[in-house]
Amino acid sequence: MDFALLLSTFVTVFLAELGDKTQLATVALSGTSDRPFAVFLGSSSALVLASLIGALAGGSMSTVIPSDFLQLAASVGFLIIGARLLRPLWSTREESSESD
């Protein structure tokens, strides 16, 4: 096993994940749950699976699917996730404005 490659990959991904949307979503989910260990298991499993898919797929997807479409699909996915995370905030504001 190439430990230098392993270490550089770990450091790169670790630093890239600090403060990104995944970590912020994990913090938000953990803050709304009383089971942070379950959130940890879910988020770490998702990261491992996503990394496995990315490592296996590599650049081969861009030869079959145009990169513009991949970027559009990722953007739409982030918008949907963001809207779902903000939905409780919107419903709380609507309820408070109705009671005024």
Protein backbone atom coordinates (compact mmCIF):
# COMPACT_ATOMS: atom_id res chain seq x y z
CA MET A 1 0.00 0.00 0.00
CA ASP A 2 1.23 3.48 -0.84
CA PHE A 3 1.12 5.18 2.58
CA ALA A 4 2.24 8.54 1.20
CA LEU A 5 -0.75 8.55 -1.17
CA LEU A 6 -3.04 7.38 1.63
CA LEU A 7 -1.83 10.12 3.97
CA SER A 8 -2.00 12.88 1.36
CA THR A 9 -5.52 11.80 0.37
CA PHE A 10 -6.61 11.74 4.01
CA VAL A 11 -5.18 15.19 4.72
CA THR A 12 -6.64 16.67 1.53
CA VAL A 13 -10.14 15.30 2.11
CA PHE A 14 -10.06 16.10 5.83
CA LEU A 15 -9.10 19.72 5.21
CA ALA A 16 -11.60 20.04 2.36
CA GLU A 17 -14.42 18.76 4.56
CA LEU A 18 -13.77 21.18 7.44
CA GLY A 19 -16.45 23.84 7.32
CA ASP A 20 -18.08 22.64 4.12
CA LYS A 21 -21.77 22.03 3.50
CA THR A 22 -21.57 18.42 4.65
CA GLN A 23 -20.16 19.37 8.02
CA LEU A 24 -22.66 22.22 8.41
CA ALA A 25 -25.53 19.88 7.54
CA THR A 26 -24.22 17.36 10.09
CA VAL A 27 -24.05 20.07 12.75
CA ALA A 28 -27.60 21.16 11.91
CA LEU A 29 -28.94 17.60 12.01
CA SER A 30 -27.14 16.85 15.24
CA GLY A 31 -28.49 20.04 16.78
CA THR A 32 -32.07 19.04 16.00
CA SER A 33 -31.63 15.48 17.26
CA ASP A 34 -31.03 14.01 20.68
CA ARG A 35 -28.96 11.19 19.13
CA PRO A 36 -25.69 12.70 17.86
CA PHE A 37 -24.02 9.28 17.53
CA ALA A 38 -26.68 8.21 15.01
CA VAL A 39 -26.04 11.41 13.06
CA PHE A 40 -22.30 10.68 13.17
CA LEU A 41 -22.81 7.13 11.86
CA GLY A 42 -25.13 8.33 9.11
CA SER A 43 -22.92 11.19 7.97
CA SER A 44 -19.68 9.21 8.12
CA SER A 45 -21.24 6.28 6.25
CA ALA A 46 -22.54 8.66 3.59
CA LEU A 47 -19.10 10.25 3.22
CA VAL A 48 -17.42 6.86 2.90
CA LEU A 49 -19.95 5.69 0.29
CA ALA A 50 -19.72 8.96 -1.66
CA SER A 51 -15.92 8.74 -1.61
CA LEU A 52 -16.05 5.13 -2.81
CA ILE A 53 -18.32 6.07 -5.68
CA GLY A 54 -16.09 9.01 -6.58
CA ALA A 55 -12.95 6.89 -6.45
CA LEU A 56 -14.47 4.15 -8.59
CA ALA A 57 -16.12 6.46 -11.09
CA GLY A 58 -13.21 8.85 -11.41
CA GLY A 59 -13.36 10.89 -14.55
CA SER A 60 -15.14 8.21 -16.56
CA MET A 61 -18.60 9.71 -15.99
CA SER A 62 -17.62 12.89 -17.78
CA THR A 63 -16.95 10.90 -20.96
CA VAL A 64 -20.54 9.61 -20.96
CA ILE A 65 -22.44 12.51 -19.36
CA PRO A 66 -21.66 16.13 -20.25
CA SER A 67 -19.98 17.99 -17.39
CA ASP A 68 -22.50 20.85 -17.66
CA PHE A 69 -25.31 18.40 -16.90
CA LEU A 70 -23.38 16.97 -13.93
CA GLN A 71 -22.87 20.47 -12.53
CA LEU A 72 -26.57 21.27 -13.03
CA ALA A 73 -27.63 18.05 -11.29
CA ALA A 74 -25.31 18.78 -8.36
CA SER A 75 -26.64 22.33 -8.10
CA VAL A 76 -30.25 21.17 -8.07
CA GLY A 77 -29.40 18.55 -5.46
CA PHE A 78 -27.80 21.17 -3.19
CA LEU A 79 -30.84 23.44 -3.61
CA ILE A 80 -33.19 20.62 -2.61
CA ILE A 81 -31.08 19.72 0.43
CA GLY A 82 -30.86 23.38 1.45
CA ALA A 83 -34.60 23.87 1.12
CA ARG A 84 -35.26 20.78 3.23
CA LEU A 85 -32.89 22.04 5.92
CA LEU A 86 -34.57 25.46 5.92
CA ARG A 87 -38.16 24.12 5.91
CA PRO A 88 -38.43 23.95 9.74
CA LEU A 89 -37.26 27.57 9.97
CA TRP A 90 -39.86 28.71 7.44
CA SER A 91 -42.71 26.87 9.18
CA THR A 92 -41.68 28.35 12.55
CA ARG A 93 -41.71 31.88 11.09
CA GLU A 94 -45.11 31.32 9.46
CA GLU A 95 -46.57 30.07 12.73
CA SER A 96 -45.20 33.04 14.69
CA SER A 97 -46.49 35.55 12.13
CA GLU A 98 -49.96 33.98 12.21
CA SER A 99 -50.13 34.26 16.00
CA ASP A 100 -49.33 38.01 15.91
